Each structure stands twice: as structure tokens, then as C-alpha cells.
Protein backbone atom coordinates (compact mmCIF):
# COMPACT_ATOMS: atom_id res chain seq x y z
CA MET A 1 -2.95 -20.20 13.81
CA VAL A 2 -4.53 -22.25 11.02
CA TYR A 3 -7.86 -22.95 9.39
CA ARG A 4 -8.94 -26.53 10.02
CA CYS A 5 -11.67 -28.24 8.04
CA LEU A 6 -14.42 -29.88 10.09
CA GLY A 7 -14.96 -32.42 7.33
CA CYS A 8 -11.57 -33.76 6.26
CA ASN A 9 -9.39 -32.18 8.99
CA VAL A 10 -7.01 -30.60 6.44
CA GLU A 11 -5.27 -27.43 7.69
CA TYR A 12 -4.69 -24.25 5.69
CA ASP A 13 -2.52 -21.16 6.06
CA ILE A 14 -4.31 -18.50 8.08
CA LYS A 15 -3.01 -15.76 5.78
CA GLU A 16 -5.33 -16.93 3.02
CA LEU A 17 -8.91 -15.67 3.02
CA LEU A 18 -10.78 -18.95 3.14
CA TYR A 19 -14.40 -19.64 4.10
CA THR A 20 -14.82 -23.30 3.19
CA CYS A 21 -12.41 -26.18 2.65
CA PRO A 22 -10.98 -26.20 -0.91
CA ALA A 23 -10.84 -30.00 -0.72
CA CYS A 24 -14.32 -30.93 0.52
CA SER A 25 -16.28 -27.62 0.79
CA GLN A 26 -16.95 -28.11 4.52
CA VAL A 27 -16.83 -25.12 6.91
CA LEU A 28 -13.61 -24.15 8.67
CA MET A 29 -12.64 -23.30 12.22
CA ILE A 30 -9.58 -21.41 13.39
CA TYR A 31 -7.17 -23.27 15.67
CA ASP A 32 -4.19 -22.00 17.60
CA LEU A 33 -1.53 -24.70 17.17
CA ALA A 34 0.32 -23.31 20.19
CA PHE A 35 -2.80 -23.23 22.40
CA ASN A 36 -1.14 -25.43 25.03
CA ARG A 37 1.15 -22.53 25.93
CA LEU A 38 -1.92 -20.82 27.43
CA LYS A 39 -2.44 -23.80 29.75
CA GLU A 40 0.98 -23.19 31.29
CA ILE A 41 -0.34 -20.01 32.93
CA PRO A 42 -2.43 -20.83 36.05
CA GLY A 43 -6.08 -19.87 35.98
CA ASP A 44 -5.77 -17.40 38.84
CA ILE A 45 -3.00 -15.58 36.95
CA TRP A 46 -5.29 -15.27 33.93
CA HIS A 47 -7.91 -13.79 36.26
CA GLN A 48 -5.41 -11.15 37.33
CA ILE A 49 -4.37 -10.43 33.74
CA PHE A 50 -7.94 -9.86 32.52
CA ASP A 51 -8.95 -7.92 35.62
CA TYR A 52 -5.87 -5.71 35.27
CA ARG A 53 -6.58 -5.02 31.61
CA LYS A 54 -10.05 -3.93 32.63
CA MET A 55 -8.46 -0.90 34.32
CA LEU A 56 -6.29 0.13 31.36
CA SER A 57 -7.03 2.93 28.90
CA THR A 58 -5.47 1.18 25.89
CA PRO A 59 -8.24 1.29 23.23
CA ALA A 60 -7.35 -2.09 21.68
CA LEU A 61 -7.78 -3.79 25.08
CA LYS A 62 -11.09 -2.12 25.92
CA GLY A 63 -13.12 -4.31 23.56
CA ILE A 64 -13.07 -8.00 22.68
CA TYR A 65 -9.27 -8.02 22.47
CA ARG A 66 -9.01 -7.80 26.24
CA TYR A 67 -8.85 -11.57 25.68
CA HIS A 68 -6.26 -11.15 22.92
CA GLU A 69 -4.50 -14.49 23.42
CA PHE A 70 -7.80 -16.38 23.00
CA ILE A 71 -9.21 -14.50 20.01
CA GLY A 72 -6.47 -13.44 17.62
CA PRO A 73 -2.95 -13.45 19.07
CA LEU A 74 -1.37 -12.97 15.63
CA VAL A 75 -3.24 -9.66 15.16
CA PRO A 76 -1.05 -6.87 16.59
CA LEU A 77 -2.82 -4.39 18.81
CA ASP A 78 -2.17 -1.53 16.39
CA SER A 79 -4.29 -3.40 13.81
CA VAL A 80 -7.26 -3.74 16.15
CA VAL A 81 -10.35 -1.74 15.17
CA TYR A 82 -12.21 -0.75 18.35
CA LEU A 83 -15.53 1.10 18.03
CA GLY A 84 -16.88 0.44 21.51
CA GLU A 85 -17.94 -3.16 21.02
CA GLY A 86 -17.98 -5.79 23.73
CA HIS A 87 -18.34 -5.68 27.51
CA THR A 88 -22.05 -5.06 27.25
CA PRO A 89 -23.97 -4.72 30.52
CA LEU A 90 -25.27 -7.67 32.45
CA ILE A 91 -28.58 -6.48 33.96
CA GLU A 92 -30.35 -8.45 36.66
CA ALA A 93 -34.04 -8.84 35.89
CA ASN A 94 -36.27 -6.94 38.27
CA LYS A 95 -37.83 -8.79 41.17
CA ASN A 96 -41.33 -9.09 39.72
CA LEU A 97 -40.05 -10.44 36.41
CA GLN A 98 -37.85 -13.00 38.15
CA GLU A 99 -40.89 -14.16 40.09
CA LYS A 100 -42.91 -14.51 36.86
CA VAL A 101 -40.14 -16.53 35.21
CA GLY A 102 -39.34 -18.61 38.28
CA ILE A 103 -35.59 -18.17 38.75
CA LYS A 104 -32.92 -15.52 39.14
CA PHE A 105 -31.73 -14.32 35.74
CA TYR A 106 -29.94 -11.54 33.93
CA PHE A 107 -30.24 -9.99 30.49
CA LYS A 108 -26.96 -9.45 28.68
CA ASN A 109 -27.74 -6.40 26.58
CA ASP A 110 -25.75 -6.91 23.40
CA GLY A 111 -27.94 -4.27 21.77
CA GLN A 112 -25.63 -1.75 23.44
CA ASN A 113 -22.86 -2.54 20.97
CA PRO A 114 -22.07 0.31 18.52
CA SER A 115 -24.32 -0.89 15.67
CA ALA A 116 -26.87 -2.05 18.27
CA SER A 117 -26.34 -5.81 17.99
CA PHE A 118 -24.01 -8.66 18.96
CA LYS A 119 -22.70 -8.84 15.39
CA ASP A 120 -20.15 -6.14 16.26
CA ARG A 121 -18.15 -8.68 18.26
CA GLY A 122 -17.45 -10.84 15.22
CA MET A 123 -17.09 -7.87 12.90
CA ALA A 124 -14.42 -6.29 15.12
CA SER A 125 -12.46 -9.54 14.86
CA ALA A 126 -12.90 -9.99 11.09
CA ILE A 127 -12.18 -6.35 10.20
CA SER A 128 -9.18 -6.17 12.55
CA TYR A 129 -7.72 -9.21 10.80
CA ILE A 130 -8.38 -7.68 7.37
CA HIS A 131 -6.78 -4.45 8.60
CA PHE A 132 -3.70 -6.46 9.60
CA LEU A 133 -3.50 -8.04 6.13
CA ILE A 134 -3.80 -4.60 4.53
CA GLN A 135 -1.06 -3.18 6.75
CA GLU A 136 1.18 -6.12 5.85
CA GLY A 137 0.59 -5.47 2.14
CA MET A 138 -1.04 -8.87 1.61
CA ILE A 139 -4.32 -7.48 0.24
CA SER A 140 -5.59 -4.15 -1.09
CA ASP A 141 -8.69 -2.60 -2.67
CA VAL A 142 -10.88 -4.61 -0.34
CA LEU A 143 -14.61 -4.99 -0.93
CA THR A 144 -16.45 -6.77 1.86
CA ILE A 145 -19.78 -8.45 1.19
CA CYS A 146 -22.40 -10.15 3.33
CA ALA A 147 -25.93 -11.48 3.31
CA SER A 148 -28.02 -10.30 6.19
CA THR A 149 -31.34 -10.32 7.99
CA GLY A 150 -30.39 -6.82 9.12
CA ASP A 151 -27.88 -6.86 11.95
CA THR A 152 -24.89 -8.30 10.05
CA SER A 153 -25.23 -5.67 7.34
CA ALA A 154 -25.34 -2.86 9.90
CA ALA A 155 -22.18 -4.10 11.62
CA ALA A 156 -20.33 -4.86 8.38
CA ALA A 157 -21.08 -1.44 6.91
CA LEU A 158 -20.11 0.36 10.12
CA TYR A 159 -16.72 -1.33 10.55
CA ALA A 160 -15.87 -1.09 6.86
CA ALA A 161 -16.75 2.62 6.88
CA TYR A 162 -14.35 3.21 9.76
CA LEU A 163 -11.48 2.06 7.51
CA ASN A 164 -12.74 3.91 4.43
CA PRO A 165 -11.18 4.20 1.82
CA LEU A 166 -9.15 1.05 2.58
CA ILE A 167 -12.35 -1.00 2.69
CA LYS A 168 -15.67 -0.64 0.91
CA SER A 169 -18.75 -2.73 1.61
CA ALA A 170 -21.76 -4.24 -0.11
CA VAL A 171 -24.67 -6.00 1.57
CA LEU A 172 -27.51 -8.21 0.34
CA LEU A 173 -30.83 -8.11 2.17
CA PRO A 174 -34.08 -10.01 1.55
CA ASN A 175 -36.42 -7.38 0.13
CA LYS A 176 -39.04 -6.16 2.65
CA LYS A 177 -37.88 -8.71 5.23
CA VAL A 178 -35.72 -6.42 7.36
CA THR A 179 -37.01 -3.62 9.55
CA PRO A 180 -36.76 -0.01 8.31
CA GLN A 181 -34.42 0.73 11.21
CA GLN A 182 -32.05 -2.06 10.16
CA LEU A 183 -32.17 -1.03 6.50
CA SER A 184 -31.25 2.55 7.37
CA GLN A 185 -27.97 1.54 9.02
CA PRO A 186 -25.92 0.21 6.06
CA LEU A 187 -27.31 3.02 3.92
CA ALA A 188 -26.09 5.58 6.46
CA HIS A 189 -22.60 4.04 6.46
CA GLY A 190 -22.30 4.24 2.69
CA ALA A 191 -22.59 0.57 1.79
CA SER A 192 -23.93 -0.59 -1.56
CA VAL A 193 -27.23 -2.22 -0.57
CA PHE A 194 -28.97 -4.80 -2.75
CA ALA A 195 -32.55 -5.83 -1.92
CA ILE A 196 -32.98 -9.40 -3.17
CA PRO A 197 -36.35 -11.06 -3.86
CA GLY A 198 -36.61 -14.08 -1.58
CA VAL A 199 -35.39 -14.90 1.93
CA PHE A 200 -32.06 -14.75 3.75
CA ASP A 201 -31.01 -18.21 2.62
CA ASP A 202 -31.27 -17.01 -1.01
CA CYS A 203 -29.07 -14.00 -0.21
CA MET A 204 -26.55 -16.31 1.42
CA ARG A 205 -26.29 -18.50 -1.67
CA ILE A 206 -25.64 -15.42 -3.80
CA VAL A 207 -22.82 -14.05 -1.61
CA GLU A 208 -21.27 -17.52 -1.44
CA THR A 209 -21.21 -17.59 -5.23
CA LEU A 210 -19.71 -14.09 -5.35
CA SER A 211 -16.99 -15.01 -2.84
CA GLU A 212 -16.10 -18.12 -4.85
CA ARG A 213 -15.84 -16.31 -8.20
CA TYR A 214 -14.77 -12.77 -7.43
CA ASN A 215 -12.21 -10.90 -5.36
CA VAL A 216 -14.43 -10.03 -2.39
CA VAL A 217 -14.18 -10.67 1.36
CA LEU A 218 -17.14 -12.57 2.84
CA LEU A 219 -18.24 -11.27 6.24
CA ASN A 220 -20.96 -13.74 7.16
CA SER A 221 -20.38 -16.25 9.95
CA LYS A 222 -18.99 -18.62 7.34
CA ASN A 223 -15.93 -16.43 7.90
CA ALA A 224 -14.20 -18.17 10.81
CA TRP A 225 -12.80 -14.85 12.06
CA ARG A 226 -16.33 -13.65 12.65
CA VAL A 227 -17.11 -16.61 14.89
CA LEU A 228 -13.80 -16.20 16.70
CA GLY A 229 -14.70 -12.66 17.80
CA GLN A 230 -18.08 -13.76 19.10
CA GLU A 231 -16.33 -16.01 21.63
CA SER A 232 -15.82 -12.83 23.65
CA TYR A 233 -19.42 -13.16 24.85
CA SER A 234 -18.50 -16.21 26.92
CA TYR A 235 -15.28 -14.60 28.19
CA GLU A 236 -17.15 -11.54 29.43
CA ILE A 237 -19.75 -13.62 31.25
CA SER A 238 -16.96 -15.58 32.92
CA GLN A 239 -15.27 -12.40 34.09
CA ASP A 240 -18.53 -10.73 35.17
CA PHE A 241 -19.28 -13.70 37.45
CA GLU A 242 -15.70 -13.72 38.75
CA TYR A 243 -15.01 -16.93 36.82
CA GLU A 244 -17.50 -18.95 38.89
CA LEU A 245 -20.01 -20.55 36.53
CA ARG A 246 -21.43 -23.28 38.73
CA ASN A 247 -25.26 -23.43 38.32
CA LYS A 248 -25.19 -20.92 35.44
CA VAL A 249 -27.34 -21.26 32.32
CA ILE A 250 -26.63 -19.37 29.10
CA VAL A 251 -29.70 -18.80 26.89
CA VAL A 252 -29.12 -17.73 23.28
CA PRO A 253 -31.26 -17.53 20.15
CA ILE A 254 -30.09 -19.39 17.05
CA GLY A 255 -30.06 -17.81 13.61
CA ASN A 256 -27.13 -18.70 11.38
CA ALA A 257 -25.74 -20.66 14.39
CA GLY A 258 -22.43 -18.79 14.51
CA ASN A 259 -23.10 -17.26 17.92
CA ILE A 260 -23.97 -20.44 19.82
CA THR A 261 -20.92 -22.21 18.37
CA ALA A 262 -18.68 -19.30 19.36
CA ILE A 263 -20.08 -19.31 22.89
CA MET A 264 -19.52 -23.06 23.28
CA ASN A 265 -15.98 -22.79 21.94
CA GLY A 266 -15.19 -19.84 24.18
CA PHE A 267 -16.27 -21.63 27.34
CA LEU A 268 -14.32 -24.72 26.26
CA LYS A 269 -11.14 -22.67 25.86
CA PHE A 270 -11.52 -21.06 29.28
CA TYR A 271 -12.29 -24.46 30.83
CA GLU A 272 -9.30 -26.16 29.23
CA THR A 273 -6.96 -23.45 30.50
CA GLY A 274 -8.34 -23.55 34.04
CA ILE A 275 -9.81 -20.04 33.91
CA ILE A 276 -13.21 -21.50 34.77
CA ASN A 277 -13.72 -24.83 36.51
CA THR A 278 -17.27 -25.57 35.31
CA LEU A 279 -18.92 -25.55 31.90
CA PRO A 280 -22.28 -23.76 32.13
CA LYS A 281 -25.48 -25.17 30.73
CA ILE A 282 -26.37 -23.74 27.29
CA LEU A 283 -29.87 -23.43 25.82
CA GLY A 284 -30.24 -22.74 22.09
CA ILE A 285 -33.65 -21.26 21.24
CA GLN A 286 -35.50 -21.06 17.94
CA SER A 287 -38.95 -20.03 16.79
CA LYS A 288 -41.18 -22.85 15.60
CA HIS A 289 -41.28 -20.87 12.34
CA ALA A 290 -37.52 -21.28 11.83
CA ASN A 291 -36.30 -24.30 13.79
CA PRO A 292 -33.97 -26.52 11.72
CA VAL A 293 -31.49 -27.02 14.57
CA VAL A 294 -34.22 -28.03 17.03
CA ARG A 295 -35.64 -30.50 14.52
CA TYR A 296 -32.20 -32.08 14.11
CA TYR A 297 -31.68 -32.59 17.86
CA HIS A 298 -35.22 -33.71 18.58
CA VAL A 299 -34.23 -37.00 16.93
CA THR A 300 -33.01 -38.76 20.06
CA ASP A 301 -30.84 -41.37 18.36
CA PRO A 302 -27.64 -39.58 17.17
CA ASN A 303 -27.14 -42.24 14.48
CA LYS A 304 -30.49 -41.36 12.91
CA ARG A 305 -30.02 -37.60 12.88
CA LYS A 306 -29.85 -35.93 9.49
CA PHE A 307 -29.79 -32.19 9.03
CA VAL A 308 -32.49 -30.99 6.65
CA PRO A 309 -32.82 -27.29 5.74
CA ILE A 310 -36.36 -25.95 6.06
CA SER A 311 -38.44 -23.21 4.49
CA VAL A 312 -38.98 -20.58 7.16
CA ARG A 313 -42.25 -18.87 7.97
CA PRO A 314 -42.55 -15.23 9.07
CA SER A 315 -41.12 -14.62 12.53
CA THR A 316 -40.95 -11.64 14.85
CA ALA A 317 -37.47 -12.92 15.78
CA GLN A 318 -36.58 -11.74 12.31
CA ALA A 319 -32.81 -11.77 12.76
CA ALA A 320 -32.99 -15.51 13.49
CA MET A 321 -35.33 -16.38 10.60
CA ILE A 322 -32.88 -18.74 8.86
CA GLY A 323 -33.74 -22.22 7.60
CA ASN A 324 -30.27 -23.38 6.57
CA PRO A 325 -27.68 -22.06 9.08
CA VAL A 326 -24.18 -22.11 7.60
CA SER A 327 -22.61 -22.95 10.97
CA MET A 328 -24.63 -26.15 11.45
CA PRO A 329 -21.51 -28.35 11.01
CA ARG A 330 -19.85 -26.32 13.78
CA VAL A 331 -22.91 -26.85 15.99
CA ILE A 332 -22.78 -30.64 15.55
CA HIS A 333 -19.03 -30.73 16.20
CA LEU A 334 -19.06 -28.49 19.26
CA VAL A 335 -22.20 -29.87 20.93
CA GLU A 336 -20.63 -33.31 20.93
CA ARG A 337 -17.33 -31.96 22.24
CA TYR A 338 -18.98 -29.73 24.87
CA ASN A 339 -21.14 -32.51 26.32
CA ALA A 340 -18.23 -34.97 26.26
CA THR A 341 -15.96 -32.53 28.09
CA ALA A 342 -18.65 -31.83 30.69
CA GLY A 343 -19.33 -35.55 31.15
CA GLU A 344 -23.08 -34.98 30.81
CA GLN A 345 -25.60 -33.25 28.57
CA LYS A 346 -25.09 -29.53 28.93
CA VAL A 347 -26.46 -28.24 25.63
CA PHE A 348 -30.20 -28.24 24.94
CA PHE A 349 -32.33 -26.99 22.03
CA ILE A 350 -35.85 -25.60 22.38
CA ASP A 351 -38.39 -24.03 20.04
CA VAL A 352 -41.12 -21.60 21.06
CA THR A 353 -44.19 -20.09 19.42
CA GLU A 354 -44.43 -16.62 17.93
CA GLN A 355 -47.07 -15.81 20.54
CA GLU A 356 -44.66 -16.71 23.34
CA ILE A 357 -41.88 -14.65 21.76
CA MET A 358 -43.96 -11.46 21.61
CA ASP A 359 -45.66 -11.93 24.97
CA TRP A 360 -42.37 -12.46 26.82
CA ASN A 361 -40.66 -9.72 24.83
CA LEU A 362 -43.30 -7.21 25.93
CA THR A 363 -43.33 -8.58 29.47
CA ALA A 364 -39.57 -8.04 29.76
CA ASN A 365 -39.75 -4.51 28.41
CA ASN A 366 -42.69 -3.72 30.70
CA HIS A 367 -40.36 -4.60 33.58
CA GLY A 368 -37.62 -2.14 32.71
CA HIS A 369 -35.56 -4.02 30.13
CA ILE A 370 -34.65 -3.27 26.50
CA ALA A 371 -34.99 -6.74 25.04
CA CYS A 372 -35.36 -7.24 21.30
CA THR A 373 -37.65 -9.90 19.86
CA GLN A 374 -34.69 -12.32 19.86
CA GLY A 375 -34.35 -11.53 23.57
CA GLY A 376 -38.05 -12.35 23.91
CA GLU A 377 -37.38 -15.60 22.08
CA SER A 378 -34.60 -16.44 24.55
CA LEU A 379 -36.76 -15.60 27.56
CA ALA A 380 -39.64 -17.70 26.23
CA GLY A 381 -37.20 -20.58 25.81
CA LEU A 382 -35.96 -20.19 29.39
CA VAL A 383 -39.53 -20.35 30.71
CA TYR A 384 -40.15 -23.52 28.70
CA ALA A 385 -36.90 -25.05 30.00
CA ILE A 386 -37.88 -24.36 33.61
CA ASN A 387 -41.32 -25.92 33.15
CA ALA A 388 -39.77 -28.93 31.38
CA GLY A 389 -37.26 -29.53 34.19
CA ILE A 390 -34.25 -28.73 31.99
CA VAL A 391 -33.38 -25.76 34.23
CA ASP A 392 -33.59 -26.00 38.01
CA LYS A 393 -34.92 -23.33 40.37
CA ASP A 394 -31.52 -22.94 42.04
CA GLU A 395 -29.76 -22.09 38.78
CA THR A 396 -29.06 -18.58 37.48
CA ALA A 397 -29.66 -17.77 33.82
CA ILE A 398 -28.00 -15.26 31.51
CA VAL A 399 -30.45 -14.42 28.73
CA ASP A 400 -29.07 -13.04 25.49
CA SER A 401 -30.80 -10.00 24.04
CA THR A 402 -28.89 -9.84 20.78
CA ALA A 403 -29.98 -6.41 19.54
CA HIS A 404 -31.56 -3.17 20.70
CA THR A 405 -35.33 -3.27 21.00
CA ILE A 406 -35.66 -0.12 18.86
CA LYS A 407 -34.55 -2.14 15.81
CA PHE A 408 -37.69 -4.27 16.12
CA SER A 409 -40.16 -1.69 17.41
CA GLY A 410 -42.35 -2.28 14.36
CA PHE A 411 -43.38 -5.67 15.73
CA GLN A 412 -44.39 -4.06 19.00
CA GLN A 413 -46.57 -1.62 17.08
CA MET A 414 -48.13 -4.46 15.08
CA TYR A 415 -48.97 -6.15 18.40
CA PHE A 416 -50.56 -2.97 19.80
CA ASP A 417 -52.48 -2.36 16.55
CA ASN A 418 -53.49 -6.04 16.23
CA SER A 419 -52.22 -5.92 12.66
CA PHE A 420 -50.13 -9.09 12.43
CA PRO A 421 -50.80 -11.09 9.24
CA SER A 422 -52.41 -14.44 10.02
CA ASP A 423 -49.27 -16.46 9.22
CA TYR A 424 -47.55 -15.06 12.33
CA ASN A 425 -50.16 -16.81 14.55
CA ILE A 426 -50.16 -13.98 17.09
CA THR A 427 -53.23 -12.76 18.96
CA PRO A 428 -52.49 -9.71 21.13
CA ASN A 429 -53.27 -9.91 24.83
CA SER A 430 -55.37 -6.82 25.59
CA GLU A 431 -53.57 -6.39 28.92
CA LYS A 432 -50.26 -5.92 27.08
CA ILE A 433 -51.52 -3.40 24.51
CA ASN A 434 -50.39 0.16 25.17
CA ILE A 435 -51.42 2.98 22.86
CA PRO A 436 -51.34 6.77 23.29
CA PHE A 437 -54.39 8.69 24.53
CA ILE A 438 -55.34 11.34 21.98
CA LEU A 439 -56.63 14.44 23.76
CA ASP A 440 -58.88 16.80 21.80
CA SER A 441 -59.06 20.54 22.26
CA GLU A 442 -62.32 22.50 22.45
CA SER A 443 -61.64 24.17 19.10
CA GLU A 444 -58.94 24.58 16.49
CA GLU A 445 -58.52 28.22 17.58
CA SER A 446 -57.40 27.13 21.05
CA LEU A 447 -54.33 25.25 19.76
CA SER A 448 -50.74 26.48 19.69
CA THR A 449 -48.86 26.46 16.40
CA LEU A 450 -45.18 27.05 15.74
CA ASP A 451 -45.81 30.47 14.24
CA LYS A 452 -48.64 31.41 16.57
CA PRO A 453 -48.22 30.02 20.13
CA LEU A 454 -50.99 30.53 22.68
CA THR A 455 -50.44 33.20 25.31
CA GLY A 456 -52.34 34.77 28.16
CA GLU A 457 -55.81 33.54 29.06
CA PRO A 458 -56.17 31.16 26.06
CA LEU A 459 -52.95 29.39 27.13
CA THR A 460 -54.08 29.19 30.77
CA LYS A 461 -57.45 27.77 29.72
CA PHE A 462 -55.83 25.23 27.39
CA VAL A 463 -53.39 23.99 30.05
CA ARG A 464 -56.16 23.63 32.66
CA ASN A 465 -58.39 21.79 30.22
CA MET A 466 -55.66 19.31 29.23
CA ALA A 467 -54.57 18.78 32.85
CA LEU A 468 -58.16 18.03 33.87
CA LYS A 469 -58.55 15.43 31.12
CA ILE A 470 -55.27 13.74 32.05
CA ALA A 471 -56.17 13.74 35.76
CA LYS A 472 -59.51 12.07 34.97
CA GLN A 473 -57.85 9.45 32.79
CA LEU A 474 -55.26 8.66 35.49
CA ARG A 475 -57.86 8.93 38.30
CA LEU A 476 -55.71 11.38 40.21
CA ASN A 477 -56.77 12.77 43.58
CA LYS A 478 -56.40 16.46 44.38
CA TYR A 479 -54.16 17.60 47.22
């Protein structure tokens, strides 16, 4: 395995910790120089291998390394750090929601990873590789560092803590631009947390400078091992659909662009080895408040495209609020390769409004799902794609919900309270607002307290009074 520069094509030893090309500063990708050996095994044999591993109790093969040969074959299984990541549930949307959207679709609930987001896939890969280097005596006294909009820091701190004291972690967050739930996670795992004035892109520049000048390990998606682990998303979908991806559409939000590149690369690897015989359609979704990738691809003439970073505006899809994604060179490289391999356009980019993100997020959760705001962003993008004719009614979509909805519950509360600042451009739909009913008692004396609970007739009267009020509110009929 080697690092290969996307700019000048120079290759570097994988046992170095590199994030950009020393020659031209372009981003790197990891290549398996012996990849053709995987093509010698027939696709149906690979199916049997992966399906067999699914039944095993070996911890290292329970997570993303079930697909060991495709992710990190040089990492021995006893170096693999497994915390329960990967193989997140694929949940079919309920009937009413499918009717509202217009096609059959599933949510892939990546919020059910151990730190409650998809970032655990890449972190398991990066930390397992670092663990291997430590075991081999190649590095020691490791300090990992990352910039984050919340989810990366949670995953980085969790996986580093598991190998404490071999690894310590530090994270940089944009001050007051991550949710309290996200902030609590790296603090709980003992990371050194720095709140930086500015936005994510500023934090990213700082950690890049630190990684260039000091002995630290960068854990953002600039780290090619991170992106490699996130390929497992595409492998799992392939296996869950029994390797039949005809008429399938994968819908993913775009933040730093590492995830969509990993998904494209994963499907390409499975296609080239005959494990799948069709490349699925891929939709990359962004908010109109943070849409640099969409702006790039909305220029129809490829010769006139020029990537320009943008200043982001506030977004409820906070984890994807990035104006200068570090993996943009990987996006450009892989989109071209993916479409060329498929023989037609298979990758599309769409932006949606903040209003659409919140409305579809709440609609999904009202129909029994646990979608985060990024999941709402993906669903809004799918609806747009159907209406625009990009997705056909006979196709089946897999919608990525990248994190657990609890991480972003503050936005739901802002919707219910109608307290969004004006720059979000969100007006709550009264039909979607749900707030608790506050029931009053007849007097303060008729209330239970911890040290003086009601008993006897006062308790009976209190219960009847409350039950009557609830029955009236719900318009219940007596037996």
C-alpha cells in the first residue's frame, strides 16, 4: 500500500504519516499496489467470504474490517480497534413517508455508531493503523489532533481514549458553533478541547499548521486512512442488498467531502472486483448556506469549472457547514472516474434550503425515524431529485442519516419555539410544532414533593383531576 498524490502522482511509503504531498501539497489517496490480486477471486466467492464473516464472533471482523482486504490489508487483526462501529441498520421508511416522498427508500442510521455518527468508521481505520505503528515501534507518545464541527471530535476523542495512555487527543471546535451534546463528548473522553473564534474552516487551517510544524497526528479527513475506513459504508449497503445494486440511489450530505469520496471509491472497488455488477446512482446534498461543491458542478462546461471556497451561513445541518472541503480534489478525481466507469452520469449534486432541511427532518422523525438534520438535508435532496427527474419512481434510495438526532435536538426545539435567528431563513410550520401541555393543579398544597408525597384522598383527587384534564385534551370517550 502507498500514498499517491492526486496532483503530481508521486507515491510515498505508507509507513510515513503523511496528509498532503511533500512535493506539491495536493491531497493523497491510499492505493493497494497489489489490488489486482483481489480480482482473481470470483465475485460470488467474495459474497460467501463476507457472508461467512458475518456469522463469526471475532471482534476485529465484526466492524468495518469485515472487508479487511479492501480497507487495510497491511493492518493485522490484533491491531484493529473495534468499539462497535459499522454495520448500522438499514431501516425502510414507513409506508406513509414513502408515499409523501414518492419512492421506496431506506434510512441508513449511522447515528447508531458508538459516538453516534458516521465518523467512527474512518476513526476506527485511522486509529487501528496508528495502533499498528505503535505496536511495531515506529511511533510513540502519540497526540492526535483534529478540527471539528462536532462529530469528528467526538469520534477522535473516543477512539484515542480507548488506547489511553498510548494515545492522547486534542480537538479544535468553532466556539458556540457546535451543539452542547457534541461538545460534551470529547470532554467526557478526556480530550483537550480548544474553542476557536471563527468557523470550522479556520479551525482546519490551524490544525493543518500544527500538523506541518509539530509532532502530532492529524485525524481530519485529510488523513487518507480516515477516508479509507468510510468506504465500509458502501460495502455494507452492497451486502445488505445481497450485492444487487441495480436501480439503487445513494443519498449523502456533503461536509468536508470525505464521506462521498469514500463511498464512490468503495463502490468502484467492489465493481472492479466483480462483487457488484452495477454502480449505483449517488446524490451529494448540501445546504444553500454551505454549497461550494454544488456551485462547482453547476457550471456545466467542465473546462470552465473552478473551485472557489465560500463563506458559509448558519445551517441546521451544522456538521456539514463547511465552505472549503479538504477532500474537494478527491471529489473531482472520483466523480470523473465514477461516471466514466459507469458509462453515464451517475453522480449528481443538489442544494436545498434550510426550511426544506428542517421540514423534512421533522417529517421523517414524525414517521418513526431518528434522522439528524443532515439526514433531513439528504431527504430534502432526494425529494428535489425526484421532482427534477434525476431519480425515477422505480428506483430505491438509501438515505444517509449521518448522526443521531439527539445530537441536534436543539434545532428541533428552536423550530418548536419559533426562535431561529433570521439568517437561518426558517419559518416553522404550525402543523409540525409539538410542545408539552402544562397541566396546573388546583393548589400548591395538592402537589406531591419528594419529601412529602400525596397519599389517601388528596392523591386520589389529584389523579382524577389530572386524568380528566388529559382526557379532555385528547378528546377521549368513556367506556
